[in-house]
Amino acid sequence: MAKGERDVERVYDIEATVAKLRRLADALESGSTFRIQVAGERIRVPRRAQFSIEHERGDDHEEVEFQFTWSLADEDPDDDDEQGPPDV
């Protein structure tokens, strides 16, 4: 069953952000997939995902966004090793 489109954003405090980034860095360094829960949905970021950094500037704000992108059609079923428990 295909999942519907989704576009959510969550704001975390510094402690939670540091913990998520630390788990992400460990997964990247070890070549593992990364699992995270965002707004109640568990997501598996495959190790082959592409990483980009986006910078946006407006008249009264700036934004830096760290982004992973991957094609669902290209997911490898063997790419299922997990780095730690899913985030909440």
N, C-alpha and C. Protein backbone atom coordinates (compact mmCIF):
# COMPACT_ATOMS: atom_id res chain seq x y z
N MET A 1 0.84 -1.18 0.00
CA MET A 1 0.00 0.00 0.00
C MET A 1 0.89 1.25 0.00
N ALA A 2 0.66 2.14 -0.93
CA ALA A 2 1.46 3.36 -1.04
C ALA A 2 1.07 4.34 0.06
N LYS A 3 2.07 5.04 0.55
CA LYS A 3 1.83 6.06 1.56
C LYS A 3 1.45 7.36 0.86
N GLY A 4 0.61 8.15 1.50
CA GLY A 4 0.20 9.43 0.95
C GLY A 4 1.28 10.48 1.10
N GLU A 5 1.11 11.58 0.40
CA GLU A 5 2.07 12.67 0.50
C GLU A 5 2.04 13.25 1.91
N ARG A 6 3.17 13.83 2.30
CA ARG A 6 3.30 14.35 3.65
C ARG A 6 4.34 15.46 3.66
N ASP A 7 4.11 16.50 4.42
CA ASP A 7 5.08 17.58 4.58
C ASP A 7 4.88 18.15 5.98
N VAL A 8 5.72 17.71 6.92
CA VAL A 8 5.61 18.17 8.31
C VAL A 8 6.95 18.72 8.77
N GLU A 9 6.89 19.52 9.79
CA GLU A 9 8.11 20.08 10.39
C GLU A 9 7.93 20.04 11.90
N ARG A 10 8.97 19.64 12.61
CA ARG A 10 8.95 19.61 14.06
C ARG A 10 10.12 20.43 14.60
N VAL A 11 9.88 21.13 15.69
CA VAL A 11 10.91 21.91 16.36
C VAL A 11 11.28 21.17 17.64
N TYR A 12 12.58 20.97 17.87
CA TYR A 12 13.07 20.25 19.03
C TYR A 12 13.95 21.14 19.88
N ASP A 13 14.01 20.85 21.19
CA ASP A 13 14.90 21.60 22.06
C ASP A 13 16.34 21.16 21.78
N ILE A 14 17.29 21.86 22.36
CA ILE A 14 18.71 21.62 22.09
C ILE A 14 19.11 20.19 22.45
N GLU A 15 18.69 19.69 23.61
CA GLU A 15 19.07 18.33 24.02
C GLU A 15 18.60 17.29 23.02
N ALA A 16 17.35 17.37 22.60
CA ALA A 16 16.80 16.40 21.64
C ALA A 16 17.50 16.53 20.29
N THR A 17 17.79 17.76 19.87
CA THR A 17 18.49 17.98 18.60
C THR A 17 19.87 17.36 18.63
N VAL A 18 20.60 17.58 19.71
CA VAL A 18 21.95 17.02 19.84
C VAL A 18 21.89 15.49 19.80
N ALA A 19 20.94 14.90 20.50
CA ALA A 19 20.81 13.43 20.52
C ALA A 19 20.51 12.89 19.13
N LYS A 20 19.61 13.53 18.39
CA LYS A 20 19.27 13.08 17.04
C LYS A 20 20.47 13.23 16.10
N LEU A 21 21.16 14.36 16.17
CA LEU A 21 22.32 14.58 15.31
C LEU A 21 23.44 13.59 15.63
N ARG A 22 23.62 13.28 16.91
CA ARG A 22 24.65 12.33 17.31
C ARG A 22 24.35 10.93 16.76
N ARG A 23 23.09 10.49 16.86
CA ARG A 23 22.69 9.19 16.31
C ARG A 23 22.85 9.18 14.79
N LEU A 24 22.49 10.29 14.16
CA LEU A 24 22.62 10.40 12.70
C LEU A 24 24.09 10.32 12.29
N ALA A 25 24.95 11.04 12.99
CA ALA A 25 26.39 11.02 12.68
C ALA A 25 26.95 9.61 12.85
N ASP A 26 26.54 8.92 13.90
CA ASP A 26 27.00 7.55 14.13
C ASP A 26 26.57 6.63 12.98
N ALA A 27 25.33 6.78 12.52
CA ALA A 27 24.82 5.96 11.41
C ALA A 27 25.59 6.26 10.13
N LEU A 28 25.82 7.52 9.84
CA LEU A 28 26.56 7.90 8.63
C LEU A 28 27.98 7.35 8.68
N GLU A 29 28.62 7.50 9.83
CA GLU A 29 30.00 7.06 9.97
C GLU A 29 30.14 5.54 9.83
N SER A 30 29.15 4.81 10.31
CA SER A 30 29.22 3.35 10.25
C SER A 30 28.62 2.78 8.96
N GLY A 31 28.04 3.64 8.11
CA GLY A 31 27.44 3.17 6.87
C GLY A 31 26.11 2.46 7.08
N SER A 32 25.43 2.75 8.17
CA SER A 32 24.16 2.12 8.50
C SER A 32 22.98 2.96 8.03
N THR A 33 21.82 2.31 7.97
CA THR A 33 20.61 3.08 7.76
C THR A 33 20.32 3.85 9.04
N PHE A 34 19.46 4.83 8.95
CA PHE A 34 19.11 5.66 10.10
C PHE A 34 17.59 5.64 10.24
N ARG A 35 17.11 5.37 11.43
CA ARG A 35 15.68 5.39 11.69
C ARG A 35 15.36 6.54 12.61
N ILE A 36 14.27 7.22 12.28
CA ILE A 36 13.83 8.35 13.08
C ILE A 36 12.31 8.41 13.04
N GLN A 37 11.71 8.89 14.10
CA GLN A 37 10.27 9.08 14.12
C GLN A 37 10.00 10.57 14.08
N VAL A 38 9.17 10.98 13.13
CA VAL A 38 8.82 12.39 12.97
C VAL A 38 7.30 12.50 12.98
N ALA A 39 6.79 13.25 13.92
CA ALA A 39 5.34 13.48 14.02
C ALA A 39 4.57 12.17 13.97
N GLY A 40 5.04 11.17 14.73
CA GLY A 40 4.31 9.92 14.86
C GLY A 40 4.56 8.88 13.77
N GLU A 41 5.36 9.20 12.77
CA GLU A 41 5.65 8.22 11.71
C GLU A 41 7.12 7.83 11.74
N ARG A 42 7.37 6.53 11.72
CA ARG A 42 8.75 6.03 11.70
C ARG A 42 9.26 6.02 10.27
N ILE A 43 10.47 6.53 10.09
CA ILE A 43 11.07 6.66 8.77
C ILE A 43 12.44 6.01 8.79
N ARG A 44 12.75 5.27 7.73
CA ARG A 44 14.06 4.66 7.58
C ARG A 44 14.78 5.38 6.45
N VAL A 45 15.88 6.03 6.79
CA VAL A 45 16.70 6.72 5.79
C VAL A 45 17.78 5.73 5.35
N PRO A 46 17.73 5.28 4.10
CA PRO A 46 18.71 4.28 3.65
C PRO A 46 20.11 4.86 3.57
N ARG A 47 21.09 4.00 3.70
CA ARG A 47 22.49 4.47 3.69
C ARG A 47 22.87 5.08 2.35
N ARG A 48 22.13 4.78 1.29
CA ARG A 48 22.44 5.34 -0.04
C ARG A 48 21.76 6.69 -0.30
N ALA A 49 21.06 7.22 0.68
CA ALA A 49 20.38 8.50 0.51
C ALA A 49 21.40 9.61 0.21
N GLN A 50 20.98 10.57 -0.60
CA GLN A 50 21.85 11.71 -0.91
C GLN A 50 21.63 12.79 0.13
N PHE A 51 22.71 13.41 0.57
CA PHE A 51 22.67 14.45 1.60
C PHE A 51 22.95 15.80 0.96
N SER A 52 22.14 16.80 1.30
CA SER A 52 22.39 18.16 0.81
C SER A 52 22.12 19.15 1.94
N ILE A 53 22.71 20.32 1.78
CA ILE A 53 22.48 21.42 2.71
C ILE A 53 21.93 22.58 1.91
N GLU A 54 20.83 23.12 2.38
CA GLU A 54 20.16 24.22 1.68
C GLU A 54 20.21 25.47 2.54
N HIS A 55 20.50 26.60 1.92
CA HIS A 55 20.48 27.88 2.62
C HIS A 55 19.48 28.78 1.92
N GLU A 56 18.60 29.37 2.70
CA GLU A 56 17.56 30.24 2.15
C GLU A 56 17.61 31.56 2.91
N ARG A 57 17.47 32.66 2.20
CA ARG A 57 17.47 33.97 2.83
C ARG A 57 16.29 34.77 2.31
N GLY A 58 15.56 35.36 3.24
CA GLY A 58 14.46 36.25 2.89
C GLY A 58 14.75 37.64 3.43
N ASP A 59 13.77 38.52 3.34
CA ASP A 59 13.96 39.88 3.83
C ASP A 59 14.20 39.95 5.33
N ASP A 60 13.55 39.04 6.07
CA ASP A 60 13.65 39.12 7.53
C ASP A 60 14.01 37.80 8.22
N HIS A 61 14.54 36.83 7.45
CA HIS A 61 14.92 35.56 8.07
C HIS A 61 15.94 34.82 7.20
N GLU A 62 16.62 33.87 7.82
CA GLU A 62 17.50 32.96 7.10
C GLU A 62 17.21 31.55 7.58
N GLU A 63 17.51 30.57 6.74
CA GLU A 63 17.24 29.18 7.07
C GLU A 63 18.34 28.30 6.50
N VAL A 64 18.79 27.36 7.32
CA VAL A 64 19.71 26.32 6.86
C VAL A 64 19.00 25.00 7.08
N GLU A 65 18.93 24.20 6.03
CA GLU A 65 18.20 22.93 6.10
C GLU A 65 19.12 21.79 5.69
N PHE A 66 19.19 20.76 6.54
CA PHE A 66 19.95 19.55 6.24
C PHE A 66 18.93 18.55 5.69
N GLN A 67 19.21 18.00 4.53
CA GLN A 67 18.19 17.20 3.86
C GLN A 67 18.77 15.91 3.29
N PHE A 68 18.02 14.81 3.46
CA PHE A 68 18.35 13.53 2.84
C PHE A 68 17.27 13.23 1.82
N THR A 69 17.67 12.75 0.65
CA THR A 69 16.73 12.44 -0.42
C THR A 69 17.04 11.07 -0.97
N TRP A 70 16.00 10.29 -1.23
CA TRP A 70 16.19 8.98 -1.85
C TRP A 70 14.92 8.60 -2.59
N SER A 71 15.08 7.72 -3.55
CA SER A 71 13.95 7.23 -4.33
C SER A 71 13.43 5.95 -3.68
N LEU A 72 12.14 5.87 -3.50
CA LEU A 72 11.56 4.66 -2.93
C LEU A 72 11.76 3.47 -3.85
N ALA A 73 11.81 3.72 -5.15
CA ALA A 73 12.02 2.65 -6.12
C ALA A 73 13.43 2.07 -6.02
N ASP A 74 14.37 2.87 -5.54
CA ASP A 74 15.77 2.44 -5.45
C ASP A 74 16.14 1.82 -4.11
N GLU A 75 15.18 1.74 -3.18
CA GLU A 75 15.51 1.19 -1.86
C GLU A 75 15.92 -0.26 -1.98
N ASP A 76 16.94 -0.61 -1.24
CA ASP A 76 17.48 -1.96 -1.22
C ASP A 76 16.87 -2.71 -0.03
N PRO A 77 16.14 -3.81 -0.26
CA PRO A 77 15.54 -4.52 0.87
C PRO A 77 16.58 -5.07 1.84
N ASP A 78 17.82 -5.27 1.39
CA ASP A 78 18.88 -5.74 2.28
C ASP A 78 19.48 -4.61 3.09
N ASP A 79 19.07 -3.38 2.80
CA ASP A 79 19.58 -2.18 3.47
C ASP A 79 18.76 -1.92 4.73
N ASP A 80 18.64 -2.96 5.56
CA ASP A 80 17.71 -2.87 6.67
C ASP A 80 18.39 -2.92 8.03
N ASP A 81 19.73 -2.73 8.08
CA ASP A 81 20.35 -2.68 9.40
C ASP A 81 19.95 -1.39 10.08
N GLU A 82 19.80 -1.42 11.37
CA GLU A 82 19.26 -0.30 12.10
C GLU A 82 20.31 0.29 13.02
N GLN A 83 20.33 1.62 13.12
CA GLN A 83 21.23 2.32 14.02
C GLN A 83 20.41 2.79 15.22
N GLY A 84 20.43 2.01 16.27
CA GLY A 84 19.73 2.40 17.50
C GLY A 84 18.24 2.32 17.36
N PRO A 85 17.51 2.58 18.46
CA PRO A 85 16.05 2.53 18.43
C PRO A 85 15.49 3.75 17.72
N PRO A 86 14.28 3.65 17.17
CA PRO A 86 13.68 4.82 16.51
C PRO A 86 13.51 5.95 17.52
N ASP A 87 13.65 7.16 17.04
CA ASP A 87 13.41 8.34 17.88
C ASP A 87 11.94 8.51 18.16
N VAL A 88 11.65 9.19 19.21
CA VAL A 88 10.27 9.52 19.53
C VAL A 88 10.12 11.01 19.45
